Amino acid sequence: LCVYKLNEALQKECQEELASATCFDVVKGAASGGTIETALAAIDGTAMTAPKTDFDPLLKLPDGTKSTFRSKDNHPSIIEKHNGPGRFSSTWISPFVMAGVNAAVVKRSNALSTKGSKSLTY
């Protein structure tokens, strides 16, 4: 939702297209029951599988055509040092268990948007 609202404000106020969004969060916690249940369903084979399509179903528009708006996820897969600008420079970053799910939500929202980004990196 933050990425969607950021893109919306950027287009409205600056007439610019969002090219990249990097999200950081300082947390201390554990996986929720829903996360654990999803992981167990994937392991034992009871998780739902997506139907076969000609293209990524997250890019499918209500009329059945493929959206021209794209996004790609760029979350860490290992613990690594972040050397980017800003408050989080020179800090350690690690994979976030929900990053893939969040990236799918951003991909779907961007695809459905009437003013989405042609190449958004999340």
Protein backbone atom coordinates (compact mmCIF):
# COMPACT_ATOMS: atom_id res chain seq x y z
CA LEU A 1 0.00 0.00 0.00
CA CYS A 2 2.89 2.36 0.75
CA VAL A 3 4.43 1.78 -2.69
CA TYR A 4 1.05 2.27 -4.38
CA LYS A 5 0.36 5.54 -2.53
CA LEU A 6 3.92 6.78 -3.16
CA ASN A 7 3.53 6.13 -6.90
CA GLU A 8 0.12 7.84 -6.90
CA ALA A 9 1.48 10.97 -5.17
CA LEU A 10 4.58 11.10 -7.38
CA GLN A 11 2.44 11.01 -10.53
CA LYS A 12 -0.05 13.58 -9.23
CA GLU A 13 2.40 16.08 -7.78
CA CYS A 14 5.45 15.67 -10.03
CA GLN A 15 4.15 13.94 -13.17
CA GLU A 16 6.92 11.37 -12.67
CA GLU A 17 6.90 7.56 -12.83
CA LEU A 18 8.12 5.57 -9.83
CA ALA A 19 11.19 3.58 -10.84
CA SER A 20 12.21 1.89 -7.61
CA ALA A 21 11.01 1.43 -4.04
CA THR A 22 13.22 0.08 -1.27
CA CYS A 23 11.50 -0.75 2.01
CA PHE A 24 13.24 -1.15 5.35
CA ASP A 25 11.85 -2.12 8.71
CA VAL A 26 13.55 -2.64 12.02
CA VAL A 27 11.89 -5.63 13.65
CA LYS A 28 12.32 -8.14 16.39
CA GLY A 29 9.86 -10.99 16.32
CA ALA A 30 8.86 -14.38 15.01
CA ALA A 31 6.73 -15.88 12.25
CA SER A 32 2.99 -15.61 12.77
CA GLY A 33 0.67 -18.61 12.84
CA GLY A 34 -0.53 -17.81 9.31
CA THR A 35 3.01 -17.78 7.97
CA ILE A 36 3.81 -21.08 9.63
CA GLU A 37 0.56 -22.65 8.35
CA THR A 38 1.33 -21.51 4.79
CA ALA A 39 4.83 -22.99 4.98
CA LEU A 40 3.48 -26.30 6.29
CA ALA A 41 0.84 -26.43 3.52
CA ALA A 42 3.58 -25.92 0.93
CA ILE A 43 5.68 -28.68 2.47
CA ASP A 44 2.90 -31.30 2.70
CA GLY A 45 1.51 -30.50 -0.76
CA THR A 46 -1.90 -29.15 0.31
CA ALA A 47 -1.17 -25.60 -0.87
CA MET A 48 -3.22 -24.37 -3.81
CA THR A 49 -1.53 -24.29 -7.22
CA ALA A 50 -2.18 -21.62 -9.80
CA PRO A 51 -3.84 -22.60 -13.08
CA LYS A 52 -1.66 -22.75 -16.22
CA THR A 53 -1.75 -19.55 -18.26
CA ASP A 54 0.10 -18.04 -21.23
CA PHE A 55 1.57 -15.33 -19.01
CA ASP A 56 1.96 -14.39 -15.36
CA PRO A 57 -1.59 -14.32 -13.90
CA LEU A 58 -0.62 -11.34 -11.71
CA LEU A 59 -0.36 -9.30 -14.93
CA LYS A 60 -3.83 -10.30 -16.15
CA LEU A 61 -6.26 -7.42 -16.56
CA PRO A 62 -10.02 -7.78 -15.93
CA ASP A 63 -10.60 -8.06 -19.71
CA GLY A 64 -8.16 -11.02 -19.90
CA THR A 65 -5.33 -9.16 -21.64
CA LYS A 66 -1.79 -8.76 -20.31
CA SER A 67 -0.88 -5.50 -18.56
CA THR A 68 2.01 -3.48 -19.98
CA PHE A 69 3.00 -2.35 -16.48
CA ARG A 70 5.78 -4.49 -15.00
CA SER A 71 7.60 -4.82 -11.71
CA LYS A 72 10.40 -6.99 -10.40
CA ASP A 73 11.30 -7.86 -6.86
CA ASN A 74 14.76 -7.14 -5.57
CA HIS A 75 14.83 -8.42 -2.00
CA PRO A 76 17.91 -9.98 -0.41
CA SER A 77 18.21 -13.76 -0.41
CA ILE A 78 21.12 -13.80 2.04
CA ILE A 79 22.29 -11.62 4.93
CA GLU A 80 24.35 -8.84 3.40
CA LYS A 81 25.67 -5.37 4.12
CA HIS A 82 23.59 -2.55 2.59
CA ASN A 83 25.68 0.29 1.20
CA GLY A 84 22.88 2.49 -0.13
CA PRO A 85 22.19 6.11 0.75
CA GLY A 86 20.28 7.39 3.74
CA ARG A 87 19.57 6.26 7.25
CA PHE A 88 20.10 2.58 6.51
CA SER A 89 23.53 2.92 4.87
CA SER A 90 26.17 0.60 6.28
CA THR A 91 23.61 -1.63 8.01
CA TRP A 92 23.03 -5.34 7.65
CA ILE A 93 19.95 -6.52 5.79
CA SER A 94 18.44 -9.98 5.68
CA PRO A 95 15.68 -11.83 3.85
CA PHE A 96 12.13 -11.10 5.00
CA VAL A 97 9.84 -14.13 4.94
CA MET A 98 6.94 -12.13 3.46
CA ALA A 99 9.02 -10.25 0.85
CA GLY A 100 7.91 -12.54 -1.98
CA VAL A 101 4.25 -12.17 -1.02
CA ASN A 102 4.57 -8.40 -0.75
CA ALA A 103 6.34 -8.27 -4.12
CA ALA A 104 3.44 -10.19 -5.69
CA VAL A 105 0.98 -7.66 -4.23
CA VAL A 106 3.04 -4.77 -5.63
CA LYS A 107 3.23 -6.53 -9.03
CA ARG A 108 -0.54 -7.05 -9.13
CA SER A 109 -1.35 -3.51 -7.97
CA ASN A 110 1.05 -2.01 -10.50
CA ALA A 111 -0.40 -4.17 -13.31
CA LEU A 112 -3.97 -3.09 -12.51
CA SER A 113 -3.11 0.58 -12.13
CA THR A 114 -4.20 2.89 -14.94
CA LYS A 115 -0.99 4.86 -14.40
CA GLY A 116 1.43 2.13 -13.33
CA SER A 117 5.13 1.92 -13.92
CA LYS A 118 6.55 0.19 -17.00
CA SER A 119 9.55 -1.07 -15.00
CA LEU A 120 9.13 -0.81 -11.23
CA THR A 121 11.71 -2.42 -8.94
CA TYR A 122 10.40 -3.30 -5.49
